[in-house]
Amino acid sequence: MAKREIPVQLSMELFEYLQGEKLVLLGTVDAETNAPGVTAISWVKGVDEKRIRFTVTNNSRIVANIKGNPQVVLTVFGLGSVYSINGKAVILEDRMEGVPLKLAKIEVVVDHVFESMFWGAKIVQEPEYEKTTNADKAKELDLQVYEALMK
């Protein structure tokens, strides 16, 4: 049986999916304990088929973890499946300009994309979330963050 080649970049469909606001799980290695850790993030955007950017508060453990070990996994639930996107993260800015929060801009260079849904099944409902803050202020902040993220 021939081995399937593992994609080394996002498919066009997955890249386009990452243009909207999505719930993504980020896996890092803890800088102090070396234990794996997973965090939910939502300010995530595909730059092209080889790069994904996201932002977190600049005092987050995620920033320290990436400085200690840049290997990360982004887990995406969508398009009827689950994708594990392995790559190397780089902190592009310790504090993004143009947003009122202290956010770090982080870029992941994609190494591999694994479709990790178990065999014989598909996702029939994608995870959804609701922002519990002022909707107008949240929308305004989202626009500022995505604009700064893509600069």
Protein backbone atom coordinates (compact mmCIF):
# COMPACT_ATOMS: atom_id res chain seq x y z
CA MET A 1 0.00 0.00 0.00
CA ALA A 2 1.45 3.37 -1.02
CA LYS A 3 1.98 5.96 1.69
CA ARG A 4 -0.13 9.10 1.43
CA GLU A 5 1.89 12.27 1.23
CA ILE A 6 1.27 14.68 4.08
CA PRO A 7 0.47 18.19 2.81
CA VAL A 8 3.06 20.83 3.66
CA GLN A 9 0.72 23.77 3.17
CA LEU A 10 -2.91 24.73 3.62
CA SER A 11 -5.31 23.69 0.89
CA MET A 12 -7.04 26.63 -0.78
CA GLU A 13 -10.27 25.57 0.93
CA LEU A 14 -8.65 25.53 4.40
CA PHE A 15 -6.89 28.84 3.72
CA GLU A 16 -10.21 30.45 2.76
CA TYR A 17 -11.86 28.95 5.84
CA LEU A 18 -9.25 30.69 8.01
CA GLN A 19 -10.30 34.10 6.68
CA GLY A 20 -13.30 34.28 8.99
CA GLU A 21 -13.45 34.39 12.77
CA LYS A 22 -12.97 30.80 13.93
CA LEU A 23 -12.40 28.99 17.19
CA VAL A 24 -8.96 27.38 16.96
CA LEU A 25 -7.06 25.35 19.55
CA LEU A 26 -3.38 26.22 19.94
CA GLY A 27 -0.98 23.64 21.31
CA THR A 28 2.36 24.77 22.76
CA VAL A 29 5.01 23.34 25.06
CA ASP A 30 5.08 25.04 28.47
CA ALA A 31 8.33 26.96 28.91
CA GLU A 32 8.70 25.97 32.57
CA THR A 33 7.34 22.43 32.80
CA ASN A 34 7.84 21.16 29.22
CA ALA A 35 4.29 19.81 29.44
CA PRO A 36 1.97 20.23 26.46
CA GLY A 37 -0.72 22.87 26.78
CA VAL A 38 -3.78 23.74 24.73
CA THR A 39 -5.51 27.11 24.58
CA ALA A 40 -8.56 28.32 22.65
CA ILE A 41 -7.89 31.36 20.44
CA SER A 42 -10.06 33.22 17.94
CA TRP A 43 -8.05 36.08 16.40
CA VAL A 44 -6.57 33.83 13.72
CA LYS A 45 -6.13 34.53 10.02
CA GLY A 46 -4.47 32.76 7.10
CA VAL A 47 -1.90 34.97 5.38
CA ASP A 48 -1.23 32.55 2.52
CA GLU A 49 -0.97 28.76 2.10
CA LYS A 50 2.23 28.62 4.20
CA ARG A 51 1.54 31.20 6.94
CA ILE A 52 -1.09 31.75 9.63
CA ARG A 53 -1.14 34.69 12.01
CA PHE A 54 -2.78 35.02 15.40
CA THR A 55 -2.65 37.32 18.36
CA VAL A 56 -2.81 36.89 22.13
CA THR A 57 -2.19 39.27 25.01
CA ASN A 58 1.52 39.92 25.21
CA ASN A 59 1.75 38.74 28.83
CA SER A 60 0.17 35.37 27.97
CA ARG A 61 2.01 32.13 28.77
CA ILE A 62 1.70 31.41 25.06
CA VAL A 63 4.31 34.09 24.29
CA ALA A 64 6.78 32.64 26.80
CA ASN A 65 6.08 29.12 25.53
CA ILE A 66 6.79 30.09 21.92
CA LYS A 67 10.01 31.85 22.93
CA GLY A 68 11.06 28.63 24.69
CA ASN A 69 9.94 26.25 21.93
CA PRO A 70 8.53 27.60 18.67
CA GLN A 71 6.92 24.32 17.58
CA VAL A 72 3.11 24.65 17.75
CA VAL A 73 -0.03 22.87 16.60
CA LEU A 74 -3.16 24.72 15.49
CA THR A 75 -6.25 22.50 15.62
CA VAL A 76 -9.09 23.60 13.36
CA PHE A 77 -12.61 22.13 13.45
CA GLY A 78 -14.26 22.83 10.12
CA LEU A 79 -15.02 21.77 6.59
CA GLY A 80 -16.48 18.56 8.01
CA SER A 81 -13.21 17.49 9.60
CA VAL A 82 -10.48 18.27 12.13
CA TYR A 83 -7.11 19.59 10.96
CA SER A 84 -3.86 19.64 12.92
CA ILE A 85 -1.56 22.25 11.46
CA ASN A 86 2.01 21.82 12.68
CA GLY A 87 4.47 24.65 12.31
CA LYS A 88 7.04 26.98 13.75
CA ALA A 89 5.82 30.16 15.44
CA VAL A 90 7.64 33.47 15.33
CA ILE A 91 6.71 36.53 17.36
CA LEU A 92 6.54 39.32 14.79
CA GLU A 93 5.63 42.09 17.23
CA ASP A 94 5.66 42.12 21.02
CA ARG A 95 2.97 44.80 20.92
CA MET A 96 0.84 45.43 17.85
CA GLU A 97 0.21 49.00 16.86
CA GLY A 98 -3.28 50.23 16.10
CA VAL A 99 -5.14 48.31 18.80
CA PRO A 100 -5.99 49.43 22.33
CA LEU A 101 -4.95 46.11 23.93
CA LYS A 102 -1.40 44.89 24.55
CA LEU A 103 -1.33 42.13 21.95
CA ALA A 104 1.56 40.17 20.47
CA LYS A 105 1.46 39.36 16.73
CA ILE A 106 2.54 35.77 16.07
CA GLU A 107 3.06 34.03 12.73
CA VAL A 108 3.17 30.29 12.19
CA VAL A 109 5.04 28.91 9.19
CA VAL A 110 3.23 25.71 8.23
CA ASP A 111 5.27 22.49 8.20
CA HIS A 112 2.49 19.91 7.81
CA VAL A 113 -1.29 19.72 7.69
CA PHE A 114 -2.82 16.52 9.04
CA GLU A 115 -6.48 15.70 8.64
CA SER A 116 -6.91 14.23 12.10
CA MET A 117 -10.60 13.28 12.19
CA PHE A 118 -11.03 9.61 13.03
CA TRP A 119 -11.89 7.33 10.14
CA GLY A 120 -15.51 6.93 9.08
CA ALA A 121 -16.83 10.14 10.65
CA LYS A 122 -17.25 13.82 9.90
CA ILE A 123 -17.94 16.99 11.85
CA VAL A 124 -21.60 17.87 11.39
CA GLN A 125 -21.63 21.04 13.49
CA GLU A 126 -18.69 23.37 13.91
CA PRO A 127 -17.93 24.84 17.32
CA GLU A 128 -19.55 28.21 17.86
CA TYR A 129 -19.01 30.83 20.51
CA GLU A 130 -20.67 34.02 21.52
CA LYS A 131 -18.92 37.12 22.79
CA THR A 132 -20.36 38.15 26.12
CA THR A 133 -19.14 41.74 26.03
CA ASN A 134 -20.69 44.76 24.32
CA ALA A 135 -21.35 43.53 20.75
CA ASP A 136 -20.59 46.87 19.07
CA LYS A 137 -17.33 47.35 20.98
CA ALA A 138 -16.32 43.74 20.30
CA LYS A 139 -16.93 44.18 16.56
CA GLU A 140 -14.92 47.42 16.53
CA LEU A 141 -12.04 45.72 18.37
CA ASP A 142 -12.15 42.72 16.03
CA LEU A 143 -11.81 45.02 13.01
CA GLN A 144 -8.84 46.82 14.59
CA VAL A 145 -7.13 43.56 15.53
CA TYR A 146 -7.56 41.88 12.12
CA GLU A 147 -6.34 45.00 10.32
CA ALA A 148 -3.23 45.20 12.53
CA LEU A 149 -2.69 41.44 12.30
CA MET A 150 -2.39 41.54 8.52
CA LYS A 151 -0.01 44.53 8.32
